[in-house]
């Protein structure tokens, strides 16, 4: 499968050859939804839970503050 990327001033749009546009759009929306959910959960972890997974409070705060479309 071939992936092409078109870069604008602020956004990169990937187009995967052979994958229908709407299927790709649904896939992207699912990824965004999962990111938003994971970041909400990360923001809610306690200090002890963060220590258990080896993430500092500051790293968790930075990750949780990212918008859902940013990897």
N, C-alpha and C. Protein backbone atom coordinates (compact mmCIF):
# COMPACT_ATOMS: atom_id res chain seq x y z
N UNK A 1 0.84 -1.16 0.00
CA UNK A 1 0.00 0.00 0.00
C UNK A 1 0.90 1.24 0.00
N UNK A 2 0.54 2.22 -0.78
CA UNK A 2 1.32 3.44 -0.90
C UNK A 2 0.65 4.57 -0.15
N UNK A 3 1.44 5.33 0.59
CA UNK A 3 0.90 6.48 1.31
C UNK A 3 1.53 7.74 0.76
N UNK A 4 0.69 8.69 0.42
CA UNK A 4 1.14 9.98 -0.07
C UNK A 4 0.76 11.02 0.96
N UNK A 5 1.55 12.07 1.06
CA UNK A 5 1.22 13.12 2.02
C UNK A 5 1.22 14.46 1.30
N UNK A 6 0.26 15.28 1.60
CA UNK A 6 0.17 16.63 1.08
C UNK A 6 0.26 17.56 2.28
N UNK A 7 1.23 18.45 2.30
CA UNK A 7 1.42 19.33 3.44
C UNK A 7 0.97 20.74 3.09
N UNK A 8 0.12 21.30 3.93
CA UNK A 8 -0.27 22.69 3.81
C UNK A 8 0.47 23.45 4.90
N UNK A 9 0.17 24.71 5.06
CA UNK A 9 0.88 25.49 6.08
C UNK A 9 0.72 24.92 7.48
N UNK A 10 -0.45 24.43 7.82
CA UNK A 10 -0.67 23.98 9.19
C UNK A 10 -1.03 22.50 9.31
N UNK A 11 -1.37 21.85 8.24
CA UNK A 11 -1.87 20.48 8.35
C UNK A 11 -1.21 19.57 7.32
N UNK A 12 -1.05 18.32 7.69
CA UNK A 12 -0.61 17.29 6.76
C UNK A 12 -1.78 16.34 6.55
N UNK A 13 -2.10 16.11 5.30
CA UNK A 13 -3.20 15.22 4.95
C UNK A 13 -2.61 14.00 4.26
N UNK A 14 -2.81 12.83 4.85
CA UNK A 14 -2.31 11.60 4.26
C UNK A 14 -3.40 10.98 3.39
N UNK A 15 -3.00 10.50 2.24
CA UNK A 15 -3.91 9.81 1.35
C UNK A 15 -3.30 8.44 1.10
N UNK A 16 -4.02 7.39 1.47
CA UNK A 16 -3.53 6.03 1.29
C UNK A 16 -4.13 5.48 0.01
N UNK A 17 -3.26 5.11 -0.92
CA UNK A 17 -3.70 4.58 -2.20
C UNK A 17 -4.47 3.29 -1.98
N UNK A 18 -5.60 3.15 -2.64
CA UNK A 18 -6.37 1.92 -2.57
C UNK A 18 -7.38 1.89 -1.43
N UNK A 19 -7.41 2.86 -0.57
CA UNK A 19 -8.37 2.90 0.54
C UNK A 19 -9.37 4.00 0.24
N UNK A 20 -10.66 3.66 0.20
CA UNK A 20 -11.68 4.66 -0.10
C UNK A 20 -11.63 5.83 0.88
N UNK A 21 -11.93 7.01 0.37
CA UNK A 21 -11.85 8.23 1.17
C UNK A 21 -12.67 8.14 2.45
N UNK A 22 -13.92 7.68 2.36
CA UNK A 22 -14.77 7.65 3.54
C UNK A 22 -14.30 6.62 4.55
N UNK A 23 -13.75 5.52 4.09
CA UNK A 23 -13.19 4.52 5.02
C UNK A 23 -12.00 5.11 5.75
N UNK A 24 -11.18 5.86 5.05
CA UNK A 24 -10.03 6.52 5.68
C UNK A 24 -10.51 7.58 6.67
N UNK A 25 -11.55 8.32 6.31
CA UNK A 25 -12.08 9.35 7.18
C UNK A 25 -12.63 8.72 8.48
N UNK A 26 -13.36 7.63 8.37
CA UNK A 26 -13.89 6.94 9.55
C UNK A 26 -12.74 6.43 10.42
N UNK A 27 -11.72 5.90 9.79
CA UNK A 27 -10.55 5.41 10.53
C UNK A 27 -9.89 6.55 11.30
N UNK A 28 -9.74 7.70 10.66
CA UNK A 28 -9.14 8.86 11.31
C UNK A 28 -9.99 9.33 12.48
N UNK A 29 -11.31 9.38 12.31
CA UNK A 29 -12.19 9.79 13.39
C UNK A 29 -12.10 8.83 14.57
N UNK A 30 -11.97 7.53 14.29
CA UNK A 30 -11.81 6.55 15.36
C UNK A 30 -10.51 6.75 16.13
N UNK A 31 -9.43 7.04 15.42
CA UNK A 31 -8.14 7.30 16.07
C UNK A 31 -8.25 8.54 16.96
N UNK A 32 -8.87 9.59 16.44
CA UNK A 32 -9.04 10.83 17.22
C UNK A 32 -9.87 10.58 18.48
N UNK A 33 -10.93 9.82 18.34
CA UNK A 33 -11.79 9.52 19.49
C UNK A 33 -11.01 8.74 20.55
N UNK A 34 -10.24 7.76 20.13
CA UNK A 34 -9.45 6.95 21.05
C UNK A 34 -8.40 7.81 21.75
N UNK A 35 -7.75 8.70 21.01
CA UNK A 35 -6.76 9.61 21.61
C UNK A 35 -7.41 10.49 22.68
N UNK A 36 -8.56 11.05 22.36
CA UNK A 36 -9.25 11.93 23.32
C UNK A 36 -9.60 11.16 24.59
N UNK A 37 -10.09 9.93 24.44
CA UNK A 37 -10.45 9.10 25.59
C UNK A 37 -9.22 8.77 26.43
N UNK A 38 -8.14 8.37 25.79
CA UNK A 38 -6.91 8.03 26.51
C UNK A 38 -6.34 9.24 27.25
N UNK A 39 -6.39 10.40 26.62
CA UNK A 39 -5.85 11.60 27.26
C UNK A 39 -6.71 12.03 28.45
N UNK A 40 -8.02 11.86 28.35
CA UNK A 40 -8.89 12.15 29.50
C UNK A 40 -8.56 11.22 30.67
N UNK A 41 -8.36 9.95 30.37
CA UNK A 41 -8.02 8.98 31.42
C UNK A 41 -6.65 9.30 32.02
N UNK A 42 -5.70 9.63 31.17
CA UNK A 42 -4.36 9.99 31.65
C UNK A 42 -4.42 11.18 32.59
N UNK A 43 -5.22 12.17 32.25
CA UNK A 43 -5.35 13.36 33.09
C UNK A 43 -5.95 13.03 34.46
N UNK A 44 -6.71 11.96 34.53
CA UNK A 44 -7.36 11.59 35.78
C UNK A 44 -6.57 10.63 36.66
N UNK A 45 -5.40 10.19 36.22
CA UNK A 45 -4.61 9.25 37.02
C UNK A 45 -4.02 9.93 38.24
N UNK A 46 -3.93 9.16 39.32
CA UNK A 46 -3.32 9.67 40.55
C UNK A 46 -1.80 9.61 40.44
N UNK A 47 -1.12 10.26 41.36
CA UNK A 47 0.34 10.23 41.41
C UNK A 47 0.85 8.79 41.48
N UNK A 48 0.21 7.98 42.32
CA UNK A 48 0.62 6.58 42.47
C UNK A 48 0.45 5.80 41.17
N UNK A 49 -0.68 6.01 40.49
CA UNK A 49 -0.92 5.31 39.22
C UNK A 49 0.11 5.73 38.17
N UNK A 50 0.45 7.01 38.14
CA UNK A 50 1.47 7.48 37.20
C UNK A 50 2.83 6.87 37.52
N UNK A 51 3.16 6.78 38.81
CA UNK A 51 4.41 6.14 39.23
C UNK A 51 4.44 4.68 38.80
N UNK A 52 3.29 4.00 38.91
CA UNK A 52 3.22 2.59 38.52
C UNK A 52 3.53 2.38 37.04
N UNK A 53 3.12 3.31 36.20
CA UNK A 53 3.37 3.16 34.76
C UNK A 53 4.63 3.91 34.31
N UNK A 54 5.29 4.60 35.25
CA UNK A 54 6.57 5.25 34.96
C UNK A 54 6.45 6.55 34.20
N UNK A 55 5.39 7.30 34.46
CA UNK A 55 5.18 8.59 33.78
C UNK A 55 5.15 9.68 34.84
N UNK A 56 5.90 10.75 34.61
CA UNK A 56 5.89 11.86 35.56
C UNK A 56 4.59 12.66 35.43
N UNK A 57 4.24 13.37 36.46
CA UNK A 57 3.04 14.22 36.46
C UNK A 57 3.14 15.24 35.32
N UNK A 58 4.31 15.82 35.13
CA UNK A 58 4.49 16.83 34.08
C UNK A 58 4.32 16.22 32.68
N UNK A 59 4.89 15.04 32.46
CA UNK A 59 4.74 14.37 31.16
C UNK A 59 3.27 14.04 30.90
N UNK A 60 2.57 13.59 31.93
CA UNK A 60 1.14 13.28 31.79
C UNK A 60 0.35 14.55 31.48
N UNK A 61 0.68 15.63 32.15
CA UNK A 61 -0.02 16.90 31.93
C UNK A 61 0.20 17.39 30.49
N UNK A 62 1.45 17.30 30.02
CA UNK A 62 1.75 17.73 28.65
C UNK A 62 1.01 16.89 27.62
N UNK A 63 1.00 15.59 27.81
CA UNK A 63 0.30 14.69 26.86
C UNK A 63 -1.20 14.93 26.90
N UNK A 64 -1.76 15.06 28.09
CA UNK A 64 -3.20 15.24 28.24
C UNK A 64 -3.67 16.58 27.69
N UNK A 65 -2.78 17.56 27.62
CA UNK A 65 -3.17 18.89 27.14
C UNK A 65 -3.14 19.01 25.61
N UNK A 66 -2.61 18.00 24.93
CA UNK A 66 -2.56 18.05 23.46
C UNK A 66 -3.97 17.92 22.89
N UNK A 67 -4.23 18.60 21.78
CA UNK A 67 -5.53 18.40 21.12
C UNK A 67 -5.60 16.99 20.50
N UNK A 68 -6.80 16.48 20.35
CA UNK A 68 -6.99 15.10 19.89
C UNK A 68 -6.39 14.82 18.51
N UNK A 69 -6.26 15.82 17.67
CA UNK A 69 -5.76 15.58 16.32
C UNK A 69 -4.22 15.54 16.27
N UNK A 70 -3.55 15.90 17.34
CA UNK A 70 -2.09 15.92 17.36
C UNK A 70 -1.58 14.63 17.99
N UNK A 71 -0.71 13.92 17.27
CA UNK A 71 -0.15 12.65 17.77
C UNK A 71 0.87 12.88 18.86
